[in-house]
C-alpha atoms as a PDB file:
ATOM      1  CA  UNK A   1     -23.575  88.652 -62.853  1.00  0.00           C
ATOM      2  CA  UNK A   2     -19.886  87.484 -63.536  1.00  0.00           C
ATOM      3  CA  UNK A   3     -20.318  84.067 -66.323  1.00  0.00           C
ATOM      4  CA  UNK A   4     -17.093  82.222 -67.198  1.00  0.00           C
ATOM      5  CA  UNK A   5     -16.178  81.427 -70.506  1.00  0.00           C
ATOM      6  CA  UNK A   6     -13.564  78.833 -72.089  1.00  0.00           C
ATOM      7  CA  UNK A   7     -11.207  80.115 -74.629  1.00  0.00           C
ATOM      8  CA  UNK A   8     -10.899  77.530 -77.506  1.00  0.00           C
ATOM      9  CA  UNK A   9      -7.324  76.045 -77.465  1.00  0.00           C
ATOM     10  CA  UNK A  10      -5.174  78.805 -78.967  1.00  0.00           C
ATOM     11  CA  UNK A  11      -6.157  81.259 -76.958  1.00  0.00           C
ATOM     12  CA  UNK A  12      -6.108  79.411 -73.438  1.00  0.00           C
ATOM     13  CA  UNK A  13      -3.164  82.278 -72.099  1.00  0.00           C
ATOM     14  CA  UNK A  14      -5.770  84.386 -72.625  1.00  0.00           C
ATOM     15  CA  UNK A  15      -8.211  85.332 -69.138  1.00  0.00           C
ATOM     16  CA  UNK A  16     -11.085  87.220 -69.517  1.00  0.00           C
ATOM     17  CA  UNK A  17     -13.952  88.338 -67.608  1.00  0.00           C
ATOM     18  CA  UNK A  18     -17.474  89.270 -68.396  1.00  0.00           C
ATOM     19  CA  UNK A  19     -19.138  91.471 -65.967  1.00  0.00           C
ATOM     20  CA  UNK A  20     -23.544  91.668 -66.935  1.00  0.00           C
ATOM     21  CA  UNK A  21     -25.289  94.242 -65.283  1.00  0.00           C
ATOM     22  CA  UNK A  22     -28.418  95.971 -65.893  1.00  0.00           C
ATOM     23  CA  UNK A  23     -29.345  99.116 -68.018  1.00  0.00           C
ATOM     24  CA  UNK A  24     -30.751 100.498 -64.950  1.00  0.00           C
ATOM     25  CA  UNK A  25     -26.897  99.832 -62.782  1.00  0.00           C
ATOM     26  CA  UNK A  26     -26.354 103.945 -61.571  1.00  0.00           C
ATOM     27  CA  UNK A  27     -22.320 105.781 -61.269  1.00  0.00           C
ATOM     28  CA  UNK A  28     -22.374 104.744 -57.203  1.00  0.00           C
ATOM     29  CA  UNK A  29     -23.105 101.254 -58.205  1.00  0.00           C
ATOM     30  CA  UNK A  30     -20.840 101.166 -61.160  1.00  0.00           C
ATOM     31  CA  UNK A  31     -17.935 102.558 -59.302  1.00  0.00           C
ATOM     32  CA  UNK A  32     -18.300  99.933 -55.884  1.00  0.00           C
ATOM     33  CA  UNK A  33     -18.246  97.434 -58.795  1.00  0.00           C
ATOM     34  CA  UNK A  34     -15.139  98.320 -60.403  1.00  0.00           C
ATOM     35  CA  UNK A  35     -13.542  98.861 -56.726  1.00  0.00           C
ATOM     36  CA  UNK A  36     -14.099  95.351 -55.735  1.00  0.00           C
ATOM     37  CA  UNK A  37     -13.000  94.141 -58.924  1.00  0.00           C
ATOM     38  CA  UNK A  38     -10.112  95.590 -58.555  1.00  0.00           C
ATOM     39  CA  UNK A  39      -9.687  94.676 -55.083  1.00  0.00           C
ATOM     40  CA  UNK A  40      -9.982  91.015 -55.786  1.00  0.00           C
ATOM     41  CA  UNK A  41      -7.885  90.840 -58.155  1.00  0.00           C
ATOM     42  CA  UNK A  42      -5.217  92.646 -55.818  1.00  0.00           C
ATOM     43  CA  UNK A  43      -5.780  89.788 -53.669  1.00  0.00           C
ATOM     44  CA  UNK A  44      -5.750  86.757 -56.142  1.00  0.00           C
ATOM     45  CA  UNK A  45      -2.330  88.189 -57.581  1.00  0.00           C
ATOM     46  CA  UNK A  46      -0.519  88.106 -53.905  1.00  0.00           C
ATOM     47  CA  UNK A  47      -2.150  84.234 -52.804  1.00  0.00           C
ATOM     48  CA  UNK A  48      -2.312  83.239 -56.175  1.00  0.00           C
ATOM     49  CA  UNK A  49      -5.432  80.862 -57.620  1.00  0.00           C
ATOM     50  CA  UNK A  50      -6.963  77.415 -56.237  1.00  0.00           C
ATOM     51  CA  UNK A  51      -4.462  75.099 -55.777  1.00  0.00           C
ATOM     52  CA  UNK A  52      -4.496  72.122 -57.971  1.00  0.00           C
ATOM     53  CA  UNK A  53      -6.546  69.839 -56.100  1.00  0.00           C
ATOM     54  CA  UNK A  54      -9.381  72.546 -55.041  1.00  0.00           C
ATOM     55  CA  UNK A  55      -9.567  73.121 -59.477  1.00  0.00           C
ATOM     56  CA  UNK A  56     -10.423  69.647 -59.760  1.00  0.00           C
ATOM     57  CA  UNK A  57     -13.649  70.226 -57.078  1.00  0.00           C
ATOM     58  CA  UNK A  58     -15.142  73.127 -59.196  1.00  0.00           C
ATOM     59  CA  UNK A  59     -17.984  72.746 -61.211  1.00  0.00           C
ATOM     60  CA  UNK A  60     -18.372  73.259 -65.294  1.00  0.00           C
ATOM     61  CA  UNK A  61     -20.406  73.091 -67.705  1.00  0.00           C
ATOM     62  CA  UNK A  62     -23.920  74.245 -68.946  1.00  0.00           C
ATOM     63  CA  UNK A  63     -26.607  73.981 -65.994  1.00  0.00           C
ATOM     64  CA  UNK A  64     -24.333  75.525 -62.632  1.00  0.00           C
END
């Protein structure tokens, strides 16, 4: 699970991601997860984030 967190206004320049995994996650799956995250970051760097119009459609808040 990779939840999204909002930061306070004085820390809005900080980008974070918190990955929650089960204690039983093995080394092989942890390596695959790390590789997938690295690849996703490269893709986002290359393509950029959401267009502003798409960003307004993203649901945020509790209950999603």
